[in-house]
Amino acid sequence: MWYQSDTAGVKVPELDLELASGTLGGIVTTVEGLIAKISENLERVHGFTFGDSLDEAKRSRWQDFRGKLDKLLSLEEPWTLIIDDSLANSFIAPATDDIKDDNQLKFEEYERSWEQNEELGLNDIDTSSADVVYESTDA
């Protein structure tokens, strides 16, 4: 099971695929369901541009990309799914009983960038009154 919050971005480096945070909204699905949703959304968003009027080179590129998405689902080759959630609200259930035993999952914590804080509205928060309270309780 996978839960993606609406603040999460998704990357699949092997396909040069990158979806900005909020692109898919918040969803509960499987990793396979995510790939299917990406494919469906691309077709829905671009609609007629993939139709008969599309020149052959562009149609071929889309079909190649769609084929690569399908290959991800068949697990013919290993691939990488990167979920970048600046609020840490996304979750992938481990394939094992203990998350420490699932060597397919890798977690990386990081400090949010100024741009991420700006997008979340955190750069404009005045915490001075809270800082005074926390400083007065330090022993």
C-alpha atoms as a PDB file:
ATOM      1  CA  MET A   1       0.000   0.000   0.000  1.00  0.00           C
ATOM      2  CA  TRP A   2       1.108   3.498  -0.697  1.00  0.00           C
ATOM      3  CA  TYR A   3      -0.240   6.792   0.545  1.00  0.00           C
ATOM      4  CA  GLN A   4       0.894   9.949  -1.200  1.00  0.00           C
ATOM      5  CA  SER A   5       0.016  13.295   0.286  1.00  0.00           C
ATOM      6  CA  ASP A   6      -0.721  16.235  -1.967  1.00  0.00           C
ATOM      7  CA  THR A   7       2.618  17.783  -0.982  1.00  0.00           C
ATOM      8  CA  ALA A   8       4.632  14.914  -2.477  1.00  0.00           C
ATOM      9  CA  GLY A   9       6.500  14.960  -5.744  1.00  0.00           C
ATOM     10  CA  VAL A  10       7.278  11.746  -7.625  1.00  0.00           C
ATOM     11  CA  LYS A  11      10.355  10.882  -9.675  1.00  0.00           C
ATOM     12  CA  VAL A  12      11.315   7.848 -11.738  1.00  0.00           C
ATOM     13  CA  PRO A  13      14.887   8.636 -12.840  1.00  0.00           C
ATOM     14  CA  GLU A  14      15.040   5.764 -15.339  1.00  0.00           C
ATOM     15  CA  LEU A  15      12.278   7.457 -17.373  1.00  0.00           C
ATOM     16  CA  ASP A  16      13.307  11.058 -16.720  1.00  0.00           C
ATOM     17  CA  LEU A  17       9.829  11.345 -15.214  1.00  0.00           C
ATOM     18  CA  GLU A  18       9.250  13.996 -12.588  1.00  0.00           C
ATOM     19  CA  LEU A  19       5.894  15.087 -11.210  1.00  0.00           C
ATOM     20  CA  ALA A  20       5.838  18.224  -9.089  1.00  0.00           C
ATOM     21  CA  SER A  21       4.180  18.177  -5.692  1.00  0.00           C
ATOM     22  CA  GLY A  22       0.417  18.284  -5.964  1.00  0.00           C
ATOM     23  CA  THR A  23       0.306  16.938  -9.527  1.00  0.00           C
ATOM     24  CA  LEU A  24      -1.622  13.804  -8.601  1.00  0.00           C
ATOM     25  CA  GLY A  25      -3.185  15.116  -5.403  1.00  0.00           C
ATOM     26  CA  GLY A  26      -3.451  12.917  -2.347  1.00  0.00           C
ATOM     27  CA  ILE A  27      -4.007   9.252  -3.204  1.00  0.00           C
ATOM     28  CA  VAL A  28      -4.048   5.850  -1.575  1.00  0.00           C
ATOM     29  CA  THR A  29      -2.947   3.133  -3.978  1.00  0.00           C
ATOM     30  CA  THR A  30      -0.220   0.629  -4.706  1.00  0.00           C
ATOM     31  CA  VAL A  31       3.015   1.428  -6.519  1.00  0.00           C
ATOM     32  CA  GLU A  32       1.525  -0.336  -9.550  1.00  0.00           C
ATOM     33  CA  GLY A  33      -1.611   1.774  -9.204  1.00  0.00           C
ATOM     34  CA  LEU A  34       0.524   4.911  -9.160  1.00  0.00           C
ATOM     35  CA  ILE A  35       2.174   4.042 -12.480  1.00  0.00           C
ATOM     36  CA  ALA A  36      -1.227   3.255 -14.010  1.00  0.00           C
ATOM     37  CA  LYS A  37      -2.603   6.578 -12.696  1.00  0.00           C
ATOM     38  CA  ILE A  38       0.318   8.508 -14.185  1.00  0.00           C
ATOM     39  CA  SER A  39      -0.308   6.889 -17.567  1.00  0.00           C
ATOM     40  CA  GLU A  40      -4.062   7.529 -17.386  1.00  0.00           C
ATOM     41  CA  ASN A  41      -3.559  11.154 -16.352  1.00  0.00           C
ATOM     42  CA  LEU A  42      -1.133  11.794 -19.195  1.00  0.00           C
ATOM     43  CA  GLU A  43      -3.651  10.441 -21.679  1.00  0.00           C
ATOM     44  CA  ARG A  44      -6.510  12.389 -20.094  1.00  0.00           C
ATOM     45  CA  VAL A  45      -4.624  15.682 -19.894  1.00  0.00           C
ATOM     46  CA  HIS A  46      -3.288  15.502 -23.420  1.00  0.00           C
ATOM     47  CA  GLY A  47      -6.486  13.999 -24.845  1.00  0.00           C
ATOM     48  CA  PHE A  48      -6.689  14.674 -28.537  1.00  0.00           C
ATOM     49  CA  THR A  49      -3.014  15.536 -28.867  1.00  0.00           C
ATOM     50  CA  PHE A  50      -2.326  11.787 -28.881  1.00  0.00           C
ATOM     51  CA  GLY A  51      -4.949  11.222 -31.585  1.00  0.00           C
ATOM     52  CA  ASP A  52      -4.801  10.837 -35.356  1.00  0.00           C
ATOM     53  CA  SER A  53      -3.641  14.412 -35.951  1.00  0.00           C
ATOM     54  CA  LEU A  54      -0.407  13.901 -34.006  1.00  0.00           C
ATOM     55  CA  ASP A  55       2.632  13.693 -36.267  1.00  0.00           C
ATOM     56  CA  GLU A  56       4.297  10.298 -36.450  1.00  0.00           C
ATOM     57  CA  ALA A  57       7.477  11.265 -34.554  1.00  0.00           C
ATOM     58  CA  LYS A  58       5.533  12.581 -31.548  1.00  0.00           C
ATOM     59  CA  ARG A  59       3.158   9.622 -31.613  1.00  0.00           C
ATOM     60  CA  SER A  60       6.133   7.271 -31.653  1.00  0.00           C
ATOM     61  CA  ARG A  61       7.739   9.084 -28.671  1.00  0.00           C
ATOM     62  CA  TRP A  62       4.488   8.820 -26.699  1.00  0.00           C
ATOM     63  CA  GLN A  63       4.123   5.124 -27.546  1.00  0.00           C
ATOM     64  CA  ASP A  64       7.745   4.517 -26.505  1.00  0.00           C
ATOM     65  CA  PHE A  65       7.166   6.329 -23.210  1.00  0.00           C
ATOM     66  CA  ARG A  66       3.934   4.423 -22.612  1.00  0.00           C
ATOM     67  CA  GLY A  67       5.805   1.187 -23.310  1.00  0.00           C
ATOM     68  CA  LYS A  68       8.425   2.163 -20.730  1.00  0.00           C
ATOM     69  CA  LEU A  69       5.678   2.773 -18.163  1.00  0.00           C
ATOM     70  CA  ASP A  70       4.271  -0.684 -18.930  1.00  0.00           C
ATOM     71  CA  LYS A  71       7.757  -2.214 -18.525  1.00  0.00           C
ATOM     72  CA  LEU A  72       7.935  -0.730 -15.028  1.00  0.00           C
ATOM     73  CA  LEU A  73       4.830  -2.684 -14.105  1.00  0.00           C
ATOM     74  CA  SER A  74       6.206  -5.933 -15.512  1.00  0.00           C
ATOM     75  CA  LEU A  75       9.371  -5.531 -13.391  1.00  0.00           C
ATOM     76  CA  GLU A  76      11.548  -6.565 -16.331  1.00  0.00           C
ATOM     77  CA  GLU A  77      14.294  -4.336 -14.947  1.00  0.00           C
ATOM     78  CA  PRO A  78      14.872  -2.733 -11.562  1.00  0.00           C
ATOM     79  CA  TRP A  79      13.743   0.868 -11.297  1.00  0.00           C
ATOM     80  CA  THR A  80      13.655   3.627  -8.729  1.00  0.00           C
ATOM     81  CA  LEU A  81      10.656   5.442  -7.290  1.00  0.00           C
ATOM     82  CA  ILE A  82      11.503   8.619  -5.406  1.00  0.00           C
ATOM     83  CA  ILE A  83       8.853  10.281  -3.285  1.00  0.00           C
ATOM     84  CA  ASP A  84       9.866  13.747  -2.170  1.00  0.00           C
ATOM     85  CA  ASP A  85       7.385  14.989   0.409  1.00  0.00           C
ATOM     86  CA  SER A  86       8.494  18.187   2.111  1.00  0.00           C
ATOM     87  CA  LEU A  87       5.962  17.598   4.915  1.00  0.00           C
ATOM     88  CA  ALA A  88       6.842  13.889   5.305  1.00  0.00           C
ATOM     89  CA  ASN A  89       3.179  12.894   4.974  1.00  0.00           C
ATOM     90  CA  SER A  90       3.626  10.079   2.437  1.00  0.00           C
ATOM     91  CA  PHE A  91       4.045   6.404   3.231  1.00  0.00           C
ATOM     92  CA  ILE A  92       4.911   3.148   1.490  1.00  0.00           C
ATOM     93  CA  ALA A  93       4.107  -0.012   3.423  1.00  0.00           C
ATOM     94  CA  PRO A  94       7.115  -2.330   3.688  1.00  0.00           C
ATOM     95  CA  ALA A  95       7.081  -5.718   1.980  1.00  0.00           C
ATOM     96  CA  THR A  96       8.237  -7.327   5.241  1.00  0.00           C
ATOM     97  CA  ASP A  97       6.787  -7.401   8.742  1.00  0.00           C
ATOM     98  CA  ASP A  98       9.525  -5.132  10.056  1.00  0.00           C
ATOM     99  CA  ILE A  99      10.359  -2.034   8.043  1.00  0.00           C
ATOM    100  CA  LYS A 100      14.033  -2.459   8.983  1.00  0.00           C
ATOM    101  CA  ASP A 101      14.109  -5.764   7.084  1.00  0.00           C
ATOM    102  CA  ASP A 102      12.807  -4.306   3.802  1.00  0.00           C
ATOM    103  CA  ASN A 103      15.982  -3.524   1.871  1.00  0.00           C
ATOM    104  CA  GLN A 104      13.986  -2.151  -1.071  1.00  0.00           C
ATOM    105  CA  LEU A 105      12.974   0.928   0.921  1.00  0.00           C
ATOM    106  CA  LYS A 106      15.384   3.718   1.657  1.00  0.00           C
ATOM    107  CA  PHE A 107      14.472   6.735   3.772  1.00  0.00           C
ATOM    108  CA  GLU A 108      16.348   9.998   3.629  1.00  0.00           C
ATOM    109  CA  GLU A 109      15.634  12.889   5.945  1.00  0.00           C
ATOM    110  CA  TYR A 110      16.667  16.360   4.873  1.00  0.00           C
ATOM    111  CA  GLU A 111      16.178  20.006   5.724  1.00  0.00           C
ATOM    112  CA  ARG A 112      13.561  21.663   3.544  1.00  0.00           C
ATOM    113  CA  SER A 113      14.919  24.229   1.128  1.00  0.00           C
ATOM    114  CA  TRP A 114      13.908  27.885   1.336  1.00  0.00           C
ATOM    115  CA  GLU A 115      11.798  27.341  -1.797  1.00  0.00           C
ATOM    116  CA  GLN A 116       9.947  24.408  -0.222  1.00  0.00           C
ATOM    117  CA  ASN A 117       9.283  26.436   2.923  1.00  0.00           C
ATOM    118  CA  GLU A 118       8.058  29.307   0.761  1.00  0.00           C
ATOM    119  CA  GLU A 119       5.680  27.011  -1.137  1.00  0.00           C
ATOM    120  CA  LEU A 120       4.289  25.786   2.183  1.00  0.00           C
ATOM    121  CA  GLY A 121       3.974  29.322   3.578  1.00  0.00           C
ATOM    122  CA  LEU A 122       6.461  28.639   6.359  1.00  0.00           C
ATOM    123  CA  ASN A 123       8.865  31.495   5.623  1.00  0.00           C
ATOM    124  CA  ASP A 124       6.297  34.091   6.684  1.00  0.00           C
ATOM    125  CA  ILE A 125       5.409  32.593  10.055  1.00  0.00           C
ATOM    126  CA  ASP A 126       6.344  34.774  13.021  1.00  0.00           C
ATOM    127  CA  THR A 127       7.449  32.421  15.802  1.00  0.00           C
ATOM    128  CA  SER A 128       8.955  35.060  18.086  1.00  0.00           C
ATOM    129  CA  SER A 129       6.253  34.734  20.768  1.00  0.00           C
ATOM    130  CA  ALA A 130       6.633  30.937  20.818  1.00  0.00           C
ATOM    131  CA  ASP A 131      10.415  31.278  20.918  1.00  0.00           C
ATOM    132  CA  VAL A 132      10.151  33.326  24.124  1.00  0.00           C
ATOM    133  CA  VAL A 133       8.058  30.607  25.789  1.00  0.00           C
ATOM    134  CA  TYR A 134      10.426  27.807  24.759  1.00  0.00           C
ATOM    135  CA  GLU A 135      13.500  29.778  25.826  1.00  0.00           C
ATOM    136  CA  SER A 136      12.005  30.441  29.272  1.00  0.00           C
ATOM    137  CA  THR A 137      11.451  26.697  29.888  1.00  0.00           C
ATOM    138  CA  ASP A 138      15.058  25.730  29.121  1.00  0.00           C
ATOM    139  CA  ALA A 139      16.777  24.529  32.254  1.00  0.00           C
END
